[in-house]
């Protein structure tokens, strides 16, 4: 019979060490793979967070600009409305009388210097004043009131500039409306007309701006 051999303890220990080392290596590899997954997830989260912050920042900036534009437009419209609604100061009866007398005296003095025996033409003050105060509302200043009262050599149209006002304003409005529609296409018709009325107050086409003594 062959001789029974005993167990080689060294060989067993070597196999156990080898198996343990392999297990440790596998565990390290698995942990490294898991850590890599966590790193990738963190990068994705950070990227998404940055994208969200950028989007919110863009929306906030757009809202701010929109609010600024709206505020500027409202400020401009309020300015136009305030100017359009501001009533012109009307002159009093006594102011008109005083100014007429002063100018009559000046006219008489000038006439006397040229003619030895002037025959001054008296202005029917009371009658004309009643007509001004009752029939016209365009005499907003002394100059305009005097222009209406001056009936000596002036034509009917010059004595009543308000009769020319409507036609002149209509023509002015048509021309200005064409220009402003091109310059401000986003404004409403009522807003454009308010701008036209504001410009009309100082326009040379305004007959009231042409009445000066």
C-alpha atoms as a PDB file:
ATOM      1  CA  UNK A   1       0.000   0.000   0.000  1.00  0.00           C
ATOM      2  CA  UNK A   2       1.243   3.519  -0.730  1.00  0.00           C
ATOM      3  CA  UNK A   3       2.189   5.631   2.172  1.00  0.00           C
ATOM      4  CA  UNK A   4      -0.499   8.218   3.134  1.00  0.00           C
ATOM      5  CA  UNK A   5       0.878  11.732   2.859  1.00  0.00           C
ATOM      6  CA  UNK A   6       0.046  14.414   5.464  1.00  0.00           C
ATOM      7  CA  UNK A   7      -1.504  17.902   4.791  1.00  0.00           C
ATOM      8  CA  UNK A   8       0.974  20.558   3.734  1.00  0.00           C
ATOM      9  CA  UNK A   9       0.151  23.434   6.059  1.00  0.00           C
ATOM     10  CA  UNK A  10       2.361  25.895   4.204  1.00  0.00           C
ATOM     11  CA  UNK A  11       0.539  25.344   0.935  1.00  0.00           C
ATOM     12  CA  UNK A  12      -2.809  25.882   2.653  1.00  0.00           C
ATOM     13  CA  UNK A  13      -1.625  29.109   4.235  1.00  0.00           C
ATOM     14  CA  UNK A  14      -0.337  30.334   0.884  1.00  0.00           C
ATOM     15  CA  UNK A  15      -3.681  29.680  -0.791  1.00  0.00           C
ATOM     16  CA  UNK A  16      -5.527  31.489   2.013  1.00  0.00           C
ATOM     17  CA  UNK A  17      -3.241  34.512   1.749  1.00  0.00           C
ATOM     18  CA  UNK A  18      -3.736  34.607  -2.007  1.00  0.00           C
ATOM     19  CA  UNK A  19      -7.516  34.401  -1.654  1.00  0.00           C
ATOM     20  CA  UNK A  20      -7.525  37.166   0.981  1.00  0.00           C
ATOM     21  CA  UNK A  21      -5.379  39.407  -1.194  1.00  0.00           C
ATOM     22  CA  UNK A  22      -7.711  38.880  -4.143  1.00  0.00           C
ATOM     23  CA  UNK A  23     -10.723  39.703  -1.982  1.00  0.00           C
ATOM     24  CA  UNK A  24      -9.090  42.907  -0.746  1.00  0.00           C
ATOM     25  CA  UNK A  25      -8.269  43.925  -4.324  1.00  0.00           C
ATOM     26  CA  UNK A  26     -11.842  43.272  -5.450  1.00  0.00           C
ATOM     27  CA  UNK A  27     -13.225  45.296  -2.551  1.00  0.00           C
ATOM     28  CA  UNK A  28     -10.971  48.241  -3.422  1.00  0.00           C
ATOM     29  CA  UNK A  29     -12.018  48.109  -7.069  1.00  0.00           C
ATOM     30  CA  UNK A  30     -15.703  48.033  -6.134  1.00  0.00           C
ATOM     31  CA  UNK A  31     -15.312  50.980  -3.747  1.00  0.00           C
ATOM     32  CA  UNK A  32     -13.423  52.997  -6.367  1.00  0.00           C
ATOM     33  CA  UNK A  33     -16.171  52.371  -8.912  1.00  0.00           C
ATOM     34  CA  UNK A  34     -18.825  53.457  -6.411  1.00  0.00           C
ATOM     35  CA  UNK A  35     -16.880  56.612  -5.537  1.00  0.00           C
ATOM     36  CA  UNK A  36     -16.600  57.450  -9.230  1.00  0.00           C
ATOM     37  CA  UNK A  37     -20.374  57.236  -9.601  1.00  0.00           C
ATOM     38  CA  UNK A  38     -20.855  59.649  -6.705  1.00  0.00           C
ATOM     39  CA  UNK A  39     -18.388  62.092  -8.282  1.00  0.00           C
ATOM     40  CA  UNK A  40     -20.274  61.996 -11.595  1.00  0.00           C
ATOM     41  CA  UNK A  41     -23.558  62.601  -9.803  1.00  0.00           C
ATOM     42  CA  UNK A  42     -22.093  65.602  -7.958  1.00  0.00           C
ATOM     43  CA  UNK A  43     -20.876  67.105 -11.235  1.00  0.00           C
ATOM     44  CA  UNK A  44     -24.300  66.716 -12.829  1.00  0.00           C
ATOM     45  CA  UNK A  45     -26.000  68.285  -9.836  1.00  0.00           C
ATOM     46  CA  UNK A  46     -23.580  71.213  -9.851  1.00  0.00           C
ATOM     47  CA  UNK A  47     -24.119  71.724 -13.582  1.00  0.00           C
ATOM     48  CA  UNK A  48     -27.903  71.681 -13.225  1.00  0.00           C
ATOM     49  CA  UNK A  49     -27.740  74.065 -10.291  1.00  0.00           C
ATOM     50  CA  UNK A  50     -25.601  76.518 -12.268  1.00  0.00           C
ATOM     51  CA  UNK A  51     -27.964  76.344 -15.240  1.00  0.00           C
ATOM     52  CA  UNK A  52     -30.926  77.064 -12.972  1.00  0.00           C
ATOM     53  CA  UNK A  53     -29.152  80.024 -11.365  1.00  0.00           C
ATOM     54  CA  UNK A  54     -28.229  81.438 -14.786  1.00  0.00           C
ATOM     55  CA  UNK A  55     -31.837  81.114 -15.964  1.00  0.00           C
ATOM     56  CA  UNK A  56     -33.184  82.846 -12.858  1.00  0.00           C
ATOM     57  CA  UNK A  57     -30.617  85.617 -13.266  1.00  0.00           C
ATOM     58  CA  UNK A  58     -31.676  86.179 -16.902  1.00  0.00           C
ATOM     59  CA  UNK A  59     -35.351  86.317 -15.935  1.00  0.00           C
ATOM     60  CA  UNK A  60     -34.664  88.801 -13.142  1.00  0.00           C
ATOM     61  CA  UNK A  61     -32.662  91.043 -15.489  1.00  0.00           C
ATOM     62  CA  UNK A  62     -35.418  90.949 -18.119  1.00  0.00           C
ATOM     63  CA  UNK A  63     -38.042  91.827 -15.497  1.00  0.00           C
ATOM     64  CA  UNK A  64     -35.919  94.723 -14.234  1.00  0.00           C
ATOM     65  CA  UNK A  65     -35.459  96.181 -17.718  1.00  0.00           C
ATOM     66  CA  UNK A  66     -39.172  95.817 -18.444  1.00  0.00           C
ATOM     67  CA  UNK A  67     -40.052  97.637 -15.222  1.00  0.00           C
ATOM     68  CA  UNK A  68     -37.609 100.463 -16.029  1.00  0.00           C
ATOM     69  CA  UNK A  69     -39.062 100.877 -19.524  1.00  0.00           C
ATOM     70  CA  UNK A  70     -42.605 100.953 -18.157  1.00  0.00           C
ATOM     71  CA  UNK A  71     -41.664 103.521 -15.502  1.00  0.00           C
ATOM     72  CA  UNK A  72     -40.019 105.799 -18.088  1.00  0.00           C
ATOM     73  CA  UNK A  73     -43.043 105.578 -20.391  1.00  0.00           C
ATOM     74  CA  UNK A  74     -45.449 106.369 -17.541  1.00  0.00           C
ATOM     75  CA  UNK A  75     -43.297 109.331 -16.498  1.00  0.00           C
ATOM     76  CA  UNK A  76     -43.304 110.715 -20.042  1.00  0.00           C
ATOM     77  CA  UNK A  77     -47.082 110.264 -20.400  1.00  0.00           C
ATOM     78  CA  UNK A  78     -47.743 111.948 -17.043  1.00  0.00           C
ATOM     79  CA  UNK A  79     -45.587 114.871 -18.129  1.00  0.00           C
ATOM     80  CA  UNK A  80     -47.543 115.191 -21.380  1.00  0.00           C
ATOM     81  CA  UNK A  81     -50.903 114.993 -19.572  1.00  0.00           C
ATOM     82  CA  UNK A  82     -49.852 117.585 -16.995  1.00  0.00           C
ATOM     83  CA  UNK A  83     -48.727 120.004 -19.690  1.00  0.00           C
ATOM     84  CA  UNK A  84     -51.868 119.455 -21.755  1.00  0.00           C
ATOM     85  CA  UNK A  85     -54.211 119.969 -18.795  1.00  0.00           C
ATOM     86  CA  UNK A  86     -52.403 123.039 -17.416  1.00  0.00           C
ATOM     87  CA  UNK A  87     -54.883 125.948 -17.876  1.00  0.00           C
ATOM     88  CA  UNK A  88     -53.610 129.180 -19.327  1.00  0.00           C
ATOM     89  CA  UNK A  89     -53.891 132.163 -17.029  1.00  0.00           C
ATOM     90  CA  UNK A  90     -56.658 134.504 -18.223  1.00  0.00           C
ATOM     91  CA  UNK A  91     -56.240 138.263 -18.064  1.00  0.00           C
ATOM     92  CA  UNK A  92     -58.663 140.420 -16.111  1.00  0.00           C
ATOM     93  CA  UNK A  93     -60.914 143.161 -17.445  1.00  0.00           C
ATOM     94  CA  UNK A  94     -58.943 145.845 -15.609  1.00  0.00           C
ATOM     95  CA  UNK A  95     -55.668 144.614 -17.118  1.00  0.00           C
ATOM     96  CA  UNK A  96     -57.137 144.849 -20.611  1.00  0.00           C
ATOM     97  CA  UNK A  97     -58.488 148.357 -19.978  1.00  0.00           C
ATOM     98  CA  UNK A  98     -55.166 149.539 -18.559  1.00  0.00           C
ATOM     99  CA  UNK A  99     -53.171 148.090 -21.450  1.00  0.00           C
ATOM    100  CA  UNK A 100     -55.521 149.594 -24.052  1.00  0.00           C
ATOM    101  CA  UNK A 101     -55.323 153.035 -22.479  1.00  0.00           C
ATOM    102  CA  UNK A 102     -51.541 152.844 -22.306  1.00  0.00           C
ATOM    103  CA  UNK A 103     -51.246 151.836 -25.947  1.00  0.00           C
ATOM    104  CA  UNK A 104     -53.781 154.460 -27.035  1.00  0.00           C
ATOM    105  CA  UNK A 105     -51.709 157.142 -25.330  1.00  0.00           C
ATOM    106  CA  UNK A 106     -48.576 155.853 -27.025  1.00  0.00           C
ATOM    107  CA  UNK A 107     -50.357 155.826 -30.402  1.00  0.00           C
ATOM    108  CA  UNK A 108     -51.649 159.367 -29.883  1.00  0.00           C
ATOM    109  CA  UNK A 109     -48.177 160.583 -28.950  1.00  0.00           C
ATOM    110  CA  UNK A 110     -46.683 158.989 -32.058  1.00  0.00           C
ATOM    111  CA  UNK A 111     -49.406 160.503 -34.258  1.00  0.00           C
ATOM    112  CA  UNK A 112     -48.943 163.953 -32.721  1.00  0.00           C
ATOM    113  CA  UNK A 113     -45.254 163.863 -33.571  1.00  0.00           C
ATOM    114  CA  UNK A 114     -46.083 163.370 -37.264  1.00  0.00           C
ATOM    115  CA  UNK A 115     -49.300 165.402 -37.741  1.00  0.00           C
ATOM    116  CA  UNK A 116     -49.828 168.882 -36.260  1.00  0.00           C
ATOM    117  CA  UNK A 117     -53.564 168.332 -35.738  1.00  0.00           C
ATOM    118  CA  UNK A 118     -54.236 164.649 -35.270  1.00  0.00           C
ATOM    119  CA  UNK A 119     -57.760 163.315 -35.141  1.00  0.00           C
ATOM    120  CA  UNK A 120     -57.379 160.215 -32.966  1.00  0.00           C
ATOM    121  CA  UNK A 121     -59.909 157.485 -33.467  1.00  0.00           C
ATOM    122  CA  UNK A 122     -61.397 156.431 -30.180  1.00  0.00           C
ATOM    123  CA  UNK A 123     -61.815 152.737 -29.585  1.00  0.00           C
ATOM    124  CA  UNK A 124     -65.309 151.798 -28.317  1.00  0.00           C
ATOM    125  CA  UNK A 125     -63.781 150.345 -25.164  1.00  0.00           C
ATOM    126  CA  UNK A 126     -66.884 149.284 -23.265  1.00  0.00           C
ATOM    127  CA  UNK A 127     -68.590 147.675 -26.241  1.00  0.00           C
ATOM    128  CA  UNK A 128     -65.489 145.803 -27.370  1.00  0.00           C
ATOM    129  CA  UNK A 129     -64.631 144.667 -23.845  1.00  0.00           C
ATOM    130  CA  UNK A 130     -68.087 143.185 -23.458  1.00  0.00           C
ATOM    131  CA  UNK A 131     -67.636 141.336 -26.736  1.00  0.00           C
ATOM    132  CA  UNK A 132     -64.241 139.974 -25.645  1.00  0.00           C
ATOM    133  CA  UNK A 133     -65.418 138.825 -22.238  1.00  0.00           C
ATOM    134  CA  UNK A 134     -68.658 137.266 -23.539  1.00  0.00           C
ATOM    135  CA  UNK A 135     -67.937 135.899 -27.013  1.00  0.00           C
ATOM    136  CA  UNK A 136     -64.336 134.669 -27.012  1.00  0.00           C
ATOM    137  CA  UNK A 137     -62.274 132.440 -24.809  1.00  0.00           C
ATOM    138  CA  UNK A 138     -59.043 132.601 -26.799  1.00  0.00           C
ATOM    139  CA  UNK A 139     -57.873 135.891 -25.226  1.00  0.00           C
ATOM    140  CA  UNK A 140     -55.640 134.194 -22.702  1.00  0.00           C
ATOM    141  CA  UNK A 141     -53.064 137.020 -22.607  1.00  0.00           C
ATOM    142  CA  UNK A 142     -53.155 140.802 -22.876  1.00  0.00           C
ATOM    143  CA  UNK A 143     -51.557 140.720 -26.330  1.00  0.00           C
ATOM    144  CA  UNK A 144     -54.213 138.314 -27.614  1.00  0.00           C
ATOM    145  CA  UNK A 145     -57.061 140.330 -26.079  1.00  0.00           C
ATOM    146  CA  UNK A 146     -55.762 143.546 -27.643  1.00  0.00           C
ATOM    147  CA  UNK A 147     -55.458 141.806 -31.005  1.00  0.00           C
ATOM    148  CA  UNK A 148     -59.136 140.851 -30.854  1.00  0.00           C
ATOM    149  CA  UNK A 149     -60.129 144.383 -29.820  1.00  0.00           C
ATOM    150  CA  UNK A 150     -58.118 146.033 -32.629  1.00  0.00           C
ATOM    151  CA  UNK A 151     -60.880 146.413 -35.235  1.00  0.00           C
ATOM    152  CA  UNK A 152     -59.590 149.522 -37.017  1.00  0.00           C
ATOM    153  CA  UNK A 153     -57.575 148.255 -39.975  1.00  0.00           C
ATOM    154  CA  UNK A 154     -57.482 144.503 -39.267  1.00  0.00           C
ATOM    155  CA  UNK A 155     -59.488 141.986 -41.275  1.00  0.00           C
ATOM    156  CA  UNK A 156     -62.195 139.807 -39.706  1.00  0.00           C
ATOM    157  CA  UNK A 157     -59.846 136.812 -39.640  1.00  0.00           C
ATOM    158  CA  UNK A 158     -57.183 138.852 -37.782  1.00  0.00           C
ATOM    159  CA  UNK A 159     -59.727 140.178 -35.292  1.00  0.00           C
ATOM    160  CA  UNK A 160     -60.792 136.618 -34.567  1.00  0.00           C
ATOM    161  CA  UNK A 161     -57.693 134.404 -34.605  1.00  0.00           C
ATOM    162  CA  UNK A 162     -59.735 131.664 -32.971  1.00  0.00           C
ATOM    163  CA  UNK A 163     -61.570 131.247 -36.294  1.00  0.00           C
ATOM    164  CA  UNK A 164     -58.272 130.440 -37.976  1.00  0.00           C
ATOM    165  CA  UNK A 165     -57.101 128.286 -35.073  1.00  0.00           C
ATOM    166  CA  UNK A 166     -59.195 125.220 -35.879  1.00  0.00           C
ATOM    167  CA  UNK A 167     -58.147 124.977 -39.534  1.00  0.00           C
ATOM    168  CA  UNK A 168     -54.495 125.688 -38.729  1.00  0.00           C
ATOM    169  CA  UNK A 169     -54.419 123.082 -35.965  1.00  0.00           C
ATOM    170  CA  UNK A 170     -56.044 120.452 -38.175  1.00  0.00           C
ATOM    171  CA  UNK A 171     -53.401 120.929 -40.880  1.00  0.00           C
ATOM    172  CA  UNK A 172     -50.623 120.933 -38.275  1.00  0.00           C
ATOM    173  CA  UNK A 173     -52.014 117.782 -36.637  1.00  0.00           C
ATOM    174  CA  UNK A 174     -52.108 115.872 -39.933  1.00  0.00           C
ATOM    175  CA  UNK A 175     -48.456 116.644 -40.713  1.00  0.00           C
ATOM    176  CA  UNK A 176     -47.211 115.961 -37.183  1.00  0.00           C
ATOM    177  CA  UNK A 177     -49.196 112.716 -36.946  1.00  0.00           C
ATOM    178  CA  UNK A 178     -47.408 111.307 -40.002  1.00  0.00           C
ATOM    179  CA  UNK A 179     -44.011 112.173 -38.534  1.00  0.00           C
ATOM    180  CA  UNK A 180     -44.686 110.972 -34.985  1.00  0.00           C
ATOM    181  CA  UNK A 181     -46.160 107.659 -36.166  1.00  0.00           C
ATOM    182  CA  UNK A 182     -42.804 106.894 -37.780  1.00  0.00           C
ATOM    183  CA  UNK A 183     -40.772 108.051 -34.774  1.00  0.00           C
ATOM    184  CA  UNK A 184     -42.993 106.400 -32.123  1.00  0.00           C
ATOM    185  CA  UNK A 185     -44.747 103.407 -33.753  1.00  0.00           C
ATOM    186  CA  UNK A 186     -45.521 101.822 -30.365  1.00  0.00           C
ATOM    187  CA  UNK A 187     -47.552 104.774 -28.994  1.00  0.00           C
ATOM    188  CA  UNK A 188     -51.350 104.930 -29.151  1.00  0.00           C
ATOM    189  CA  UNK A 189     -53.198 107.518 -31.233  1.00  0.00           C
ATOM    190  CA  UNK A 190     -54.344 109.368 -28.112  1.00  0.00           C
ATOM    191  CA  UNK A 191     -50.752 109.564 -26.878  1.00  0.00           C
ATOM    192  CA  UNK A 192     -49.548 110.896 -30.230  1.00  0.00           C
ATOM    193  CA  UNK A 193     -52.280 113.555 -30.216  1.00  0.00           C
ATOM    194  CA  UNK A 194     -51.247 114.644 -26.738  1.00  0.00           C
ATOM    195  CA  UNK A 195     -47.681 115.108 -27.968  1.00  0.00           C
ATOM    196  CA  UNK A 196     -48.957 117.082 -30.977  1.00  0.00           C
ATOM    197  CA  UNK A 197     -51.022 119.358 -28.724  1.00  0.00           C
ATOM    198  CA  UNK A 198     -47.989 119.998 -26.518  1.00  0.00           C
ATOM    199  CA  UNK A 199     -45.827 120.931 -29.534  1.00  0.00           C
ATOM    200  CA  UNK A 200     -48.651 123.109 -30.915  1.00  0.00           C
ATOM    201  CA  UNK A 201     -48.403 125.488 -27.949  1.00  0.00           C
ATOM    202  CA  UNK A 202     -45.010 126.752 -29.209  1.00  0.00           C
ATOM    203  CA  UNK A 203     -45.358 126.025 -32.935  1.00  0.00           C
ATOM    204  CA  UNK A 204     -44.938 128.964 -35.352  1.00  0.00           C
ATOM    205  CA  UNK A 205     -47.972 127.592 -37.239  1.00  0.00           C
ATOM    206  CA  UNK A 206     -50.137 128.467 -34.219  1.00  0.00           C
ATOM    207  CA  UNK A 207     -51.945 131.757 -35.046  1.00  0.00           C
ATOM    208  CA  UNK A 208     -51.862 132.755 -31.388  1.00  0.00           C
ATOM    209  CA  UNK A 209     -48.051 132.726 -31.528  1.00  0.00           C
ATOM    210  CA  UNK A 210     -48.189 135.155 -34.470  1.00  0.00           C
ATOM    211  CA  UNK A 211     -50.276 137.770 -32.621  1.00  0.00           C
ATOM    212  CA  UNK A 212     -47.874 140.336 -31.222  1.00  0.00           C
ATOM    213  CA  UNK A 213     -48.149 144.096 -31.043  1.00  0.00           C
END
